[in-house]
Amino acid sequence: LGFSACRLSLAVPRDAGYTGLRWFENRRVATSYPNILRKF
């Protein structure tokens, strides 16, 4: 329908020193969308 557009994204603390997706290895991620994230 083209409205109510949004995106589902991963976000980290500003000072986390993010280096790429491998940063999430063994980390705890909070979400209301566990199935989408688990598949990703």
Full PDB file with SEQRES, HELIX, SHEET, SSBOND, CRYST1, ORIGX, SCALE, CONECT and MASTER records, all heavy atoms in Angstrom:
SEQRES   1 A   40  LEU GLY PHE SER ALA CYS ARG LEU SER LEU ALA VAL PRO          
SEQRES   2 A   40  ARG ASP ALA GLY TYR THR GLY LEU ARG TRP PHE GLU ASN          
SEQRES   3 A   40  ARG ARG VAL ALA THR SER TYR PRO ASN ILE LEU ARG LYS          
SEQRES   4 A   40  PHE                                                          
HELIX    1 AA1 LEU A   21  PHE A   24  5                                   4    
HELIX    2 AA2 PRO A   34  LYS A   39  1                                   6    
CRYST1    1.000    1.000    1.000  90.00  90.00  90.00 P 1           1          
ORIGX1      1.000000  0.000000  0.000000        0.00000                         
ORIGX2      0.000000  1.000000  0.000000        0.00000                         
ORIGX3      0.000000  0.000000  1.000000        0.00000                         
SCALE1      1.000000  0.000000  0.000000        0.00000                         
SCALE2      0.000000  1.000000  0.000000        0.00000                         
SCALE3      0.000000  0.000000  1.000000        0.00000                         
ATOM      1  N   LEU A   1       0.796  -1.227   0.000  1.00  0.00           N  
ATOM      2  CA  LEU A   1       0.000   0.000   0.000  1.00  0.00           C  
ATOM      3  C   LEU A   1       0.831   1.281   0.000  1.00  0.00           C  
ATOM      4  O   LEU A   1       0.287   2.367  -0.171  1.00  0.00           O  
ATOM      5  CB  LEU A   1      -0.947  -0.009   1.203  1.00  0.00           C  
ATOM      6  CG  LEU A   1      -1.969  -1.147   1.185  1.00  0.00           C  
ATOM      7  CD1 LEU A   1      -2.728  -1.219   2.502  1.00  0.00           C  
ATOM      8  CD2 LEU A   1      -2.939  -0.983   0.021  1.00  0.00           C  
ATOM      9  N   GLY A   2       2.130   1.173   0.219  1.00  0.00           N  
ATOM     10  CA  GLY A   2       2.996   2.335   0.053  1.00  0.00           C  
ATOM     11  C   GLY A   2       3.007   3.352   1.175  1.00  0.00           C  
ATOM     12  O   GLY A   2       3.672   4.381   1.063  1.00  0.00           O  
ATOM     13  N   PHE A   3       2.296   3.096   2.279  1.00  0.00           N  
ATOM     14  CA  PHE A   3       2.337   4.035   3.398  1.00  0.00           C  
ATOM     15  C   PHE A   3       2.796   3.324   4.672  1.00  0.00           C  
ATOM     16  O   PHE A   3       2.999   2.119   4.681  1.00  0.00           O  
ATOM     17  CB  PHE A   3       0.987   4.728   3.618  1.00  0.00           C  
ATOM     18  CG  PHE A   3      -0.183   3.815   3.857  1.00  0.00           C  
ATOM     19  CD1 PHE A   3      -0.417   3.244   5.092  1.00  0.00           C  
ATOM     20  CD2 PHE A   3      -1.100   3.558   2.839  1.00  0.00           C  
ATOM     21  CE1 PHE A   3      -1.510   2.413   5.331  1.00  0.00           C  
ATOM     22  CE2 PHE A   3      -2.202   2.732   3.053  1.00  0.00           C  
ATOM     23  CZ  PHE A   3      -2.406   2.162   4.304  1.00  0.00           C  
ATOM     24  N   SER A   4       2.980   4.106   5.743  1.00  0.00           N  
ATOM     25  CA  SER A   4       3.503   3.588   7.009  1.00  0.00           C  
ATOM     26  C   SER A   4       4.829   2.851   6.798  1.00  0.00           C  
ATOM     27  O   SER A   4       5.074   1.793   7.367  1.00  0.00           O  
ATOM     28  CB  SER A   4       2.480   2.663   7.683  1.00  0.00           C  
ATOM     29  OG  SER A   4       1.334   3.384   8.079  1.00  0.00           O  
ATOM     30  N   ALA A   5       5.676   3.433   5.960  1.00  0.00           N  
ATOM     31  CA  ALA A   5       6.973   2.827   5.670  1.00  0.00           C  
ATOM     32  C   ALA A   5       7.900   2.933   6.880  1.00  0.00           C  
ATOM     33  O   ALA A   5       7.904   3.935   7.599  1.00  0.00           O  
ATOM     34  CB  ALA A   5       7.617   3.502   4.462  1.00  0.00           C  
ATOM     35  N   CYS A   6       8.654   1.894   7.100  1.00  0.00           N  
ATOM     36  CA  CYS A   6       9.663   1.877   8.162  1.00  0.00           C  
ATOM     37  C   CYS A   6      10.669   0.801   7.811  1.00  0.00           C  
ATOM     38  O   CYS A   6      10.573   0.147   6.773  1.00  0.00           O  
ATOM     39  CB  CYS A   6       9.033   1.616   9.531  1.00  0.00           C  
ATOM     40  SG  CYS A   6       8.263  -0.021   9.690  1.00  0.00           S  
ATOM     41  N   ARG A   7      11.657   0.619   8.671  1.00  0.00           N  
ATOM     42  CA  ARG A   7      12.634  -0.438   8.475  1.00  0.00           C  
ATOM     43  C   ARG A   7      12.919  -1.099   9.812  1.00  0.00           C  
ATOM     44  O   ARG A   7      12.766  -0.479  10.864  1.00  0.00           O  
ATOM     45  CB  ARG A   7      13.915   0.114   7.859  1.00  0.00           C  
ATOM     46  CG  ARG A   7      14.566   1.242   8.644  1.00  0.00           C  
ATOM     47  CD  ARG A   7      15.638   1.958   7.821  1.00  0.00           C  
ATOM     48  NE  ARG A   7      16.279   3.018   8.584  1.00  0.00           N  
ATOM     49  CZ  ARG A   7      15.813   4.255   8.706  1.00  0.00           C  
ATOM     50  NH1 ARG A   7      14.681   4.598   8.095  1.00  0.00           N  
ATOM     51  NH2 ARG A   7      16.461   5.160   9.408  1.00  0.00           N  
ATOM     52  N   LEU A   8      13.296  -2.354   9.773  1.00  0.00           N  
ATOM     53  CA  LEU A   8      13.717  -3.071  10.973  1.00  0.00           C  
ATOM     54  C   LEU A   8      15.233  -3.137  10.947  1.00  0.00           C  
ATOM     55  O   LEU A   8      15.820  -3.695  10.006  1.00  0.00           O  
ATOM     56  CB  LEU A   8      13.110  -4.471  11.020  1.00  0.00           C  
ATOM     57  CG  LEU A   8      11.756  -4.589  11.737  1.00  0.00           C  
ATOM     58  CD1 LEU A   8      10.681  -3.847  10.972  1.00  0.00           C  
ATOM     59  CD2 LEU A   8      11.364  -6.044  11.928  1.00  0.00           C  
ATOM     60  N   SER A   9      15.839  -2.564  11.970  1.00  0.00           N  
ATOM     61  CA  SER A   9      17.288  -2.414  11.960  1.00  0.00           C  
ATOM     62  C   SER A   9      17.911  -2.831  13.286  1.00  0.00           C  
ATOM     63  O   SER A   9      17.267  -2.786  14.335  1.00  0.00           O  
ATOM     64  CB  SER A   9      17.668  -0.960  11.668  1.00  0.00           C  
ATOM     65  OG  SER A   9      17.262  -0.566  10.376  1.00  0.00           O  
ATOM     66  N   LEU A  10      19.169  -3.181  13.200  1.00  0.00           N  
ATOM     67  CA  LEU A  10      19.996  -3.432  14.372  1.00  0.00           C  
ATOM     68  C   LEU A  10      20.652  -2.118  14.778  1.00  0.00           C  
ATOM     69  O   LEU A  10      21.106  -1.349  13.914  1.00  0.00           O  
ATOM     70  CB  LEU A  10      21.063  -4.476  14.061  1.00  0.00           C  
ATOM     71  CG  LEU A  10      20.567  -5.922  13.965  1.00  0.00           C  
ATOM     72  CD1 LEU A  10      21.528  -6.766  13.132  1.00  0.00           C  
ATOM     73  CD2 LEU A  10      20.387  -6.518  15.356  1.00  0.00           C  
ATOM     74  N   ALA A  11      20.687  -1.851  16.079  1.00  0.00           N  
ATOM     75  CA  ALA A  11      21.308  -0.631  16.583  1.00  0.00           C  
ATOM     76  C   ALA A  11      22.151  -0.972  17.805  1.00  0.00           C  
ATOM     77  O   ALA A  11      21.801  -1.860  18.588  1.00  0.00           O  
ATOM     78  CB  ALA A  11      20.251   0.414  16.935  1.00  0.00           C  
ATOM     79  N   VAL A  12      23.247  -0.264  17.952  1.00  0.00           N  
ATOM     80  CA  VAL A  12      24.174  -0.510  19.070  1.00  0.00           C  
ATOM     81  C   VAL A  12      24.464   0.816  19.764  1.00  0.00           C  
ATOM     82  O   VAL A  12      24.225   1.891  19.201  1.00  0.00           O  
ATOM     83  CB  VAL A  12      25.497  -1.133  18.560  1.00  0.00           C  
ATOM     84  CG1 VAL A  12      25.231  -2.427  17.807  1.00  0.00           C  
ATOM     85  CG2 VAL A  12      26.267  -0.151  17.680  1.00  0.00           C  
ATOM     86  N   PRO A  13      24.977   0.780  21.007  1.00  0.00           N  
ATOM     87  CA  PRO A  13      25.371   2.021  21.682  1.00  0.00           C  
ATOM     88  C   PRO A  13      26.405   2.778  20.844  1.00  0.00           C  
ATOM     89  O   PRO A  13      27.237   2.182  20.158  1.00  0.00           O  
ATOM     90  CB  PRO A  13      25.979   1.531  23.003  1.00  0.00           C  
ATOM     91  CG  PRO A  13      25.275   0.229  23.255  1.00  0.00           C  
ATOM     92  CD  PRO A  13      25.107  -0.389  21.899  1.00  0.00           C  
ATOM     93  N   ARG A  14      26.332   4.100  20.905  1.00  0.00           N  
ATOM     94  CA  ARG A  14      27.185   4.943  20.073  1.00  0.00           C  
ATOM     95  C   ARG A  14      28.675   4.641  20.274  1.00  0.00           C  
ATOM     96  O   ARG A  14      29.468   4.724  19.341  1.00  0.00           O  
ATOM     97  CB  ARG A  14      26.893   6.416  20.379  1.00  0.00           C  
ATOM     98  CG  ARG A  14      27.537   7.398  19.413  1.00  0.00           C  
ATOM     99  CD  ARG A  14      27.198   8.830  19.749  1.00  0.00           C  
ATOM    100  NE  ARG A  14      25.767   9.082  19.586  1.00  0.00           N  
ATOM    101  CZ  ARG A  14      24.934   9.317  20.603  1.00  0.00           C  
ATOM    102  NH1 ARG A  14      25.371   9.319  21.845  1.00  0.00           N  
ATOM    103  NH2 ARG A  14      23.655   9.552  20.372  1.00  0.00           N  
ATOM    104  N   ASP A  15      29.061   4.286  21.497  1.00  0.00           N  
ATOM    105  CA  ASP A  15      30.473   4.049  21.792  1.00  0.00           C  
ATOM    106  C   ASP A  15      30.838   2.560  21.790  1.00  0.00           C  
ATOM    107  O   ASP A  15      31.839   2.151  22.386  1.00  0.00           O  
ATOM    108  CB  ASP A  15      30.830   4.661  23.152  1.00  0.00           C  
ATOM    109  CG  ASP A  15      29.975   4.092  24.289  1.00  0.00           C  
ATOM    110  OD1 ASP A  15      29.067   3.261  24.008  1.00  0.00           O  
ATOM    111  OD2 ASP A  15      30.192   4.485  25.454  1.00  0.00           O  
ATOM    112  N   ALA A  16      30.053   1.729  21.104  1.00  0.00           N  
ATOM    113  CA  ALA A  16      30.251   0.272  21.149  1.00  0.00           C  
ATOM    114  C   ALA A  16      31.436  -0.203  20.316  1.00  0.00           C  
ATOM    115  O   ALA A  16      31.870  -1.350  20.448  1.00  0.00           O  
ATOM    116  CB  ALA A  16      28.989  -0.446  20.683  1.00  0.00           C  
ATOM    117  N   GLY A  17      31.949   0.637  19.451  1.00  0.00           N  
ATOM    118  CA  GLY A  17      33.053   0.220  18.592  1.00  0.00           C  
ATOM    119  C   GLY A  17      32.637  -0.823  17.574  1.00  0.00           C  
ATOM    120  O   GLY A  17      33.335  -1.816  17.357  1.00  0.00           O  
ATOM    121  N   TYR A  18      31.495  -0.608  16.941  1.00  0.00           N  
ATOM    122  CA  TYR A  18      30.952  -1.571  15.981  1.00  0.00           C  
ATOM    123  C   TYR A  18      31.878  -1.731  14.781  1.00  0.00           C  
ATOM    124  O   TYR A  18      32.321  -0.750  14.186  1.00  0.00           O  
ATOM    125  CB  TYR A  18      29.571  -1.108  15.524  1.00  0.00           C  
ATOM    126  CG  TYR A  18      28.892  -2.061  14.578  1.00  0.00           C  
ATOM    127  CD1 TYR A  18      28.333  -3.238  15.048  1.00  0.00           C  
ATOM    128  CD2 TYR A  18      28.822  -1.786  13.209  1.00  0.00           C  
ATOM    129  CE1 TYR A  18      27.713  -4.136  14.178  1.00  0.00           C  
ATOM    130  CE2 TYR A  18      28.200  -2.670  12.346  1.00  0.00           C  
ATOM    131  CZ  TYR A  18      27.650  -3.846  12.834  1.00  0.00           C  
ATOM    132  OH  TYR A  18      27.040  -4.722  11.976  1.00  0.00           O  
ATOM    133  N   THR A  19      32.159  -2.982  14.417  1.00  0.00           N  
ATOM    134  CA  THR A  19      33.082  -3.263  13.314  1.00  0.00           C  
ATOM    135  C   THR A  19      32.448  -4.074  12.180  1.00  0.00           C  
ATOM    136  O   THR A  19      33.108  -4.383  11.190  1.00  0.00           O  
ATOM    137  CB  THR A  19      34.304  -4.035  13.843  1.00  0.00           C  
ATOM    138  OG1 THR A  19      33.856  -5.216  14.530  1.00  0.00           O  
ATOM    139  CG2 THR A  19      35.123  -3.173  14.794  1.00  0.00           C  
ATOM    140  N   GLY A  20      31.203  -4.459  12.322  1.00  0.00           N  
ATOM    141  CA  GLY A  20      30.554  -5.282  11.312  1.00  0.00           C  
ATOM    142  C   GLY A  20      29.658  -6.311  11.973  1.00  0.00           C  
ATOM    143  O   GLY A  20      29.586  -6.405  13.201  1.00  0.00           O  
ATOM    144  N   LEU A  21      28.997  -7.134  11.154  1.00  0.00           N  
ATOM    145  CA  LEU A  21      28.018  -8.083  11.684  1.00  0.00           C  
ATOM    146  C   LEU A  21      28.605  -9.052  12.703  1.00  0.00           C  
ATOM    147  O   LEU A  21      27.912  -9.480  13.626  1.00  0.00           O  
ATOM    148  CB  LEU A  21      27.380  -8.881  10.536  1.00  0.00           C  
ATOM    149  CG  LEU A  21      26.177  -8.243   9.831  1.00  0.00           C  
ATOM    150  CD1 LEU A  21      25.720  -9.114   8.681  1.00  0.00           C  
ATOM    151  CD2 LEU A  21      25.041  -8.002  10.815  1.00  0.00           C  
ATOM    152  N   ARG A  22      29.893  -9.393  12.560  1.00  0.00           N  
ATOM    153  CA  ARG A  22      30.493 -10.325  13.511  1.00  0.00           C  
ATOM    154  C   ARG A  22      30.514  -9.756  14.923  1.00  0.00           C  
ATOM    155  O   ARG A  22      30.703 -10.507  15.901  1.00  0.00           O  
ATOM    156  CB  ARG A  22      31.926 -10.685  13.093  1.00  0.00           C  
ATOM    157  CG  ARG A  22      32.075 -11.301  11.713  1.00  0.00           C  
ATOM    158  CD  ARG A  22      31.170 -12.470  11.441  1.00  0.00           C  
ATOM    159  NE  ARG A  22      31.226 -13.537  12.425  1.00  0.00           N  
ATOM    160  CZ  ARG A  22      30.492 -14.624  12.390  1.00  0.00           C  
ATOM    161  NH1 ARG A  22      29.600 -14.788  11.418  1.00  0.00           N  
ATOM    162  NH2 ARG A  22      30.601 -15.537  13.323  1.00  0.00           N  
ATOM    163  N   TRP A  23      30.326  -8.449  15.060  1.00  0.00           N  
ATOM    164  CA  TRP A  23      30.279  -7.815  16.388  1.00  0.00           C  
ATOM    165  C   TRP A  23      29.191  -8.449  17.247  1.00  0.00           C  
ATOM    166  O   TRP A  23      29.307  -8.504  18.473  1.00  0.00           O  
ATOM    167  CB  TRP A  23      30.016  -6.318  16.219  1.00  0.00           C  
ATOM    168  CG  TRP A  23      30.014  -5.533  17.495  1.00  0.00           C  
ATOM    169  CD1 TRP A  23      31.063  -4.885  18.078  1.00  0.00           C  
ATOM    170  CD2 TRP A  23      28.877  -5.279  18.354  1.00  0.00           C  
ATOM    171  NE1 TRP A  23      30.680  -4.256  19.239  1.00  0.00           N  
ATOM    172  CE2 TRP A  23      29.336  -4.491  19.439  1.00  0.00           C  
ATOM    173  CE3 TRP A  23      27.546  -5.661  18.325  1.00  0.00           C  
ATOM    174  CZ2 TRP A  23      28.494  -4.068  20.466  1.00  0.00           C  
ATOM    175  CZ3 TRP A  23      26.697  -5.251  19.347  1.00  0.00           C  
ATOM    176  CH2 TRP A  23      27.172  -4.463  20.405  1.00  0.00           C  
ATOM    177  N   PHE A  24      28.115  -8.926  16.608  1.00  0.00           N  
ATOM    178  CA  PHE A  24      26.974  -9.478  17.349  1.00  0.00           C  
ATOM    179  C   PHE A  24      27.214 -10.889  17.875  1.00  0.00           C  
ATOM    180  O   PHE A  24      26.392 -11.406  18.633  1.00  0.00           O  
ATOM    181  CB  PHE A  24      25.719  -9.451  16.476  1.00  0.00           C  
ATOM    182  CG  PHE A  24      25.213  -8.070  16.178  1.00  0.00           C  
ATOM    183  CD1 PHE A  24      25.487  -7.460  14.970  1.00  0.00           C  
ATOM    184  CD2 PHE A  24      24.479  -7.375  17.126  1.00  0.00           C  
ATOM    185  CE1 PHE A  24      25.032  -6.179  14.696  1.00  0.00           C  
ATOM    186  CE2 PHE A  24      24.018  -6.094  16.876  1.00  0.00           C  
ATOM    187  CZ  PHE A  24      24.298  -5.491  15.655  1.00  0.00           C  
ATOM    188  N   GLU A  25      28.299 -11.516  17.462  1.00  0.00           N  
ATOM    189  CA  GLU A  25      28.589 -12.872  17.924  1.00  0.00           C  
ATOM    190  C   GLU A  25      28.637 -12.920  19.455  1.00  0.00           C  
ATOM    191  O   GLU A  25      29.368 -12.163  20.104  1.00  0.00           O  
ATOM    192  CB  GLU A  25      29.923 -13.338  17.343  1.00  0.00           C  
ATOM    193  CG  GLU A  25      30.250 -14.780  17.601  1.00  0.00           C  
ATOM    194  CD  GLU A  25      29.406 -15.745  16.774  1.00  0.00           C  
ATOM    195  OE1 GLU A  25      28.916 -15.335  15.693  1.00  0.00           O  
ATOM    196  OE2 GLU A  25      29.220 -16.891  17.220  1.00  0.00           O  
ATOM    197  N   ASN A  26      27.821 -13.811  20.016  1.00  0.00           N  
ATOM    198  CA  ASN A  26      27.735 -14.017  21.470  1.00  0.00           C  
ATOM    199  C   ASN A  26      27.252 -12.788  22.239  1.00  0.00           C  
ATOM    200  O   ASN A  26      27.425 -12.715  23.460  1.00  0.00           O  
ATOM    201  CB  ASN A  26      29.087 -14.477  22.038  1.00  0.00           C  
ATOM    202  CG  ASN A  26      29.512 -15.813  21.460  1.00  0.00           C  
ATOM    203  OD1 ASN A  26      28.690 -16.706  21.263  1.00  0.00           O  
ATOM    204  ND2 ASN A  26      30.803 -15.944  21.152  1.00  0.00           N  
ATOM    205  N   ARG A  27      26.644 -11.847  21.545  1.00  0.00           N  
ATOM    206  CA  ARG A  27      26.061 -10.682  22.218  1.00  0.00           C  
ATOM    207  C   ARG A  27      24.581 -10.942  22.491  1.00  0.00           C  
ATOM    208  O   ARG A  27      23.945 -11.791  21.866  1.00  0.00           O  
ATOM    209  CB  ARG A  27      26.191  -9.437  21.343  1.00  0.00           C  
ATOM    210  CG  ARG A  27      27.598  -9.138  20.873  1.00  0.00           C  
ATOM    211  CD  ARG A  27      28.359  -8.281  21.821  1.00  0.00           C  
ATOM    212  NE  ARG A  27      29.639  -7.876  21.262  1.00  0.00           N  
ATOM    213  CZ  ARG A  27      30.471  -7.024  21.817  1.00  0.00           C  
ATOM    214  NH1 ARG A  27      30.155  -6.469  22.979  1.00  0.00           N  
ATOM    215  NH2 ARG A  27      31.622  -6.714  21.239  1.00  0.00           N  
ATOM    216  N   ARG A  28      24.031 -10.156  23.404  1.00  0.00           N  
ATOM    217  CA  ARG A  28      22.598 -10.234  23.702  1.00  0.00           C  
ATOM    218  C   ARG A  28      21.893  -9.093  22.972  1.00  0.00           C  
ATOM    219  O   ARG A  28      22.270  -7.922  23.125  1.00  0.00           O  
ATOM    220  CB  ARG A  28      22.345 -10.136  25.198  1.00  0.00           C  
ATOM    221  CG  ARG A  28      20.848 -10.159  25.549  1.00  0.00           C  
ATOM    222  CD  ARG A  28      20.598  -9.989  27.029  1.00  0.00           C  
ATOM    223  NE  ARG A  28      20.987 -11.185  27.770  1.00  0.00           N  
ATOM    224  CZ  ARG A  28      20.808 -11.319  29.076  1.00  0.00           C  
ATOM    225  NH1 ARG A  28      20.272 -10.336  29.784  1.00  0.00           N  
ATOM    226  NH2 ARG A  28      21.173 -12.435  29.681  1.00  0.00           N  
ATOM    227  N   VAL A  29      20.862  -9.433  22.201  1.00  0.00           N  
ATOM    228  CA  VAL A  29      20.130  -8.438  21.414  1.00  0.00           C  
ATOM    229  C   VAL A  29      18.666  -8.449  21.838  1.00  0.00           C  
ATOM    230  O   VAL A  29      18.002  -9.492  21.795  1.00  0.00           O  
ATOM    231  CB  VAL A  29      20.241  -8.723  19.899  1.00  0.00           C  
ATOM    232  CG1 VAL A  29      19.554  -7.609  19.109  1.00  0.00           C  
ATOM    233  CG2 VAL A  29      21.703  -8.842  19.479  1.00  0.00           C  
ATOM    234  N   ALA A  30      18.148  -7.296  22.227  1.00  0.00           N  
ATOM    235  CA  ALA A  30      16.752  -7.177  22.651  1.00  0.00           C  
ATOM    236  C   ALA A  30      15.877  -6.807  21.449  1.00  0.00           C  
ATOM    237  O   ALA A  30      16.256  -5.967  20.629  1.00  0.00           O  
ATOM    238  CB  ALA A  30      16.622  -6.105  23.728  1.00  0.00           C  
ATOM    239  N   THR A  31      14.711  -7.426  21.350  1.00  0.00           N  
ATOM    240  CA  THR A  31      13.832  -7.165  20.217  1.00  0.00           C  
ATOM    241  C   THR A  31      12.409  -7.621  20.504  1.00  0.00           C  
ATOM    242  O   THR A  31      12.170  -8.477  21.352  1.00  0.00           O  
ATOM    243  CB  THR A  31      14.332  -7.882  18.949  1.00  0.00           C  
ATOM    244  OG1 THR A  31      13.501  -7.521  17.839  1.00  0.00           O  
ATOM    245  CG2 THR A  31      14.317  -9.392  19.128  1.00  0.00           C  
ATOM    246  N   SER A  32      11.475  -7.046  19.753  1.00  0.00           N  
ATOM    247  CA  SER A  32      10.092  -7.532  19.741  1.00  0.00           C  
ATOM    248  C   SER A  32       9.832  -8.374  18.492  1.00  0.00           C  
ATOM    249  O   SER A  32       8.704  -8.808  18.263  1.00  0.00           O  
ATOM    250  CB  SER A  32       9.123  -6.335  19.764  1.00  0.00           C  
ATOM    251  OG  SER A  32       9.311  -5.554  20.919  1.00  0.00           O  
ATOM    252  N   TYR A  33      10.889  -8.587  17.699  1.00  0.00           N  
ATOM    253  CA  TYR A  33      10.762  -9.341  16.446  1.00  0.00           C  
ATOM    254  C   TYR A  33      11.794 -10.469  16.419  1.00  0.00           C  
ATOM    255  O   TYR A  33      12.703 -10.490  15.571  1.00  0.00           O  
ATOM    256  CB  TYR A  33      10.949  -8.402  15.241  1.00  0.00           C  
ATOM    257  CG  TYR A  33       9.887  -7.334  15.171  1.00  0.00           C  
ATOM    258  CD1 TYR A  33      10.082  -6.094  15.773  1.00  0.00           C  
ATOM    259  CD2 TYR A  33       8.675  -7.571  14.531  1.00  0.00           C  
ATOM    260  CE1 TYR A  33       9.099  -5.115  15.734  1.00  0.00           C  
ATOM    261  CE2 TYR A  33       7.694  -6.606  14.477  1.00  0.00           C  
ATOM    262  CZ  TYR A  33       7.907  -5.388  15.085  1.00  0.00           C  
ATOM    263  OH  TYR A  33       6.933  -4.417  15.052  1.00  0.00           O  
ATOM    264  N   PRO A  34      11.680 -11.430  17.326  1.00  0.00           N  
ATOM    265  CA  PRO A  34      12.693 -12.483  17.428  1.00  0.00           C  
ATOM    266  C   PRO A  34      12.772 -13.394  16.209  1.00  0.00           C  
ATOM    267  O   PRO A  34      13.863 -13.850  15.853  1.00  0.00           O  
ATOM    268  CB  PRO A  34      12.265 -13.262  18.672  1.00  0.00           C  
ATOM    269  CG  PRO A  34      10.796 -12.995  18.809  1.00  0.00           C  
ATOM    270  CD  PRO A  34      10.623 -11.583  18.348  1.00  0.00           C  
ATOM    271  N   ASN A  35      11.656 -13.679  15.560  1.00  0.00           N  
ATOM    272  CA  ASN A  35      11.682 -14.601  14.430  1.00  0.00           C  
ATOM    273  C   ASN A  35      12.439 -14.014  13.240  1.00  0.00           C  
ATOM    274  O   ASN A  35      13.235 -14.711  12.590  1.00  0.00           O  
ATOM    275  CB  ASN A  35      10.260 -14.980  14.013  1.00  0.00           C  
ATOM    276  CG  ASN A  35       9.569 -15.854  15.044  1.00  0.00           C  
ATOM    277  OD1 ASN A  35      10.222 -16.616  15.759  1.00  0.00           O  
ATOM    278  ND2 ASN A  35       8.261 -15.745  15.156  1.00  0.00           N  
ATOM    279  N   ILE A  36      12.178 -12.751  12.937  1.00  0.00           N  
ATOM    280  CA  ILE A  36      12.884 -12.102  11.826  1.00  0.00           C  
ATOM    281  C   ILE A  36      14.374 -12.032  12.124  1.00  0.00           C  
ATOM    282  O   ILE A  36      15.215 -12.328  11.264  1.00  0.00           O  
ATOM    283  CB  ILE A  36      12.316 -10.690  11.574  1.00  0.00           C  
ATOM    284  CG1 ILE A  36      10.855 -10.770  11.113  1.00  0.00           C  
ATOM    285  CG2 ILE A  36      13.155  -9.946  10.533  1.00  0.00           C  
ATOM    286  CD1 ILE A  36      10.168  -9.425  10.993  1.00  0.00           C  
ATOM    287  N   LEU A  37      14.713 -11.656  13.360  1.00  0.00           N  
ATOM    288  CA  LEU A  37      16.126 -11.523  13.722  1.00  0.00           C  
ATOM    289  C   LEU A  37      16.820 -12.879  13.745  1.00  0.00           C  
ATOM    290  O   LEU A  37      17.964 -13.007  13.272  1.00  0.00           O  
ATOM    291  CB  LEU A  37      16.241 -10.851  15.091  1.00  0.00           C  
ATOM    292  CG  LEU A  37      17.670 -10.589  15.579  1.00  0.00           C  
ATOM    293  CD1 LEU A  37      18.431  -9.730  14.578  1.00  0.00           C  
ATOM    294  CD2 LEU A  37      17.655  -9.941  16.946  1.00  0.00           C  
ATOM    295  N   ARG A  38      16.152 -13.891  14.268  1.00  0.00           N  
ATOM    296  CA  ARG A  38      16.752 -15.228  14.330  1.00  0.00           C  
ATOM    297  C   ARG A  38      17.084 -15.734  12.916  1.00  0.00           C  
ATOM    298  O   ARG A  38      18.164 -16.306  12.674  1.00  0.00           O  
ATOM    299  CB  ARG A  38      15.792 -16.186  15.036  1.00  0.00           C  
ATOM    300  CG  ARG A  38      16.387 -17.538  15.373  1.00  0.00           C  
ATOM    301  CD  ARG A  38      15.427 -18.370  16.210  1.00  0.00           C  
ATOM    302  NE  ARG A  38      15.225 -17.788  17.546  1.00  0.00           N  
ATOM    303  CZ  ARG A  38      14.094 -17.226  17.960  1.00  0.00           C  
ATOM    304  NH1 ARG A  38      13.032 -17.178  17.144  1.00  0.00           N  
ATOM    305  NH2 ARG A  38      13.996 -16.734  19.175  1.00  0.00           N  
ATOM    306  N   LYS A  39      16.162 -15.510  11.987  1.00  0.00           N  
ATOM    307  CA  LYS A  39      16.395 -15.927  10.606  1.00  0.00           C  
ATOM    308  C   LYS A  39      17.562 -15.160   9.991  1.00  0.00           C  
ATOM    309  O   LYS A  39      18.405 -15.739   9.298  1.00  0.00           O  
ATOM    310  CB  LYS A  39      15.117 -15.702   9.782  1.00  0.00           C  
ATOM    311  CG  LYS A  39      15.243 -16.125   8.325  1.00  0.00           C  
ATOM    312  CD  LYS A  39      13.936 -15.894   7.581  1.00  0.00           C  
ATOM    313  CE  LYS A  39      14.060 -16.306   6.119  1.00  0.00           C  
ATOM    314  NZ  LYS A  39      12.796 -16.043   5.369  1.00  0.00           N  
ATOM    315  N   PHE A  40      17.646 -13.864  10.275  1.00  0.00           N  
ATOM    316  CA  PHE A  40      18.721 -13.032   9.732  1.00  0.00           C  
ATOM    317  C   PHE A  40      20.079 -13.497  10.254  1.00  0.00           C  
ATOM    318  O   PHE A  40      21.032 -13.676   9.487  1.00  0.00           O  
ATOM    319  CB  PHE A  40      18.478 -11.568  10.105  1.00  0.00           C  
ATOM    320  CG  PHE A  40      19.582 -10.635   9.676  1.00  0.00           C  
ATOM    321  CD1 PHE A  40      19.691 -10.231   8.352  1.00  0.00           C  
ATOM    322  CD2 PHE A  40      20.507 -10.162  10.597  1.00  0.00           C  
ATOM    323  CE1 PHE A  40      20.705  -9.363   7.943  1.00  0.00           C  
ATOM    324  CE2 PHE A  40      21.529  -9.303  10.203  1.00  0.00           C  
ATOM    325  CZ  PHE A  40      21.616  -8.895   8.874  1.00  0.00           C  
TER     326      PHE A  40                                                      
MASTER        0    0    0    2    0    0    0    6  325    1    0    4          
END                                                                             
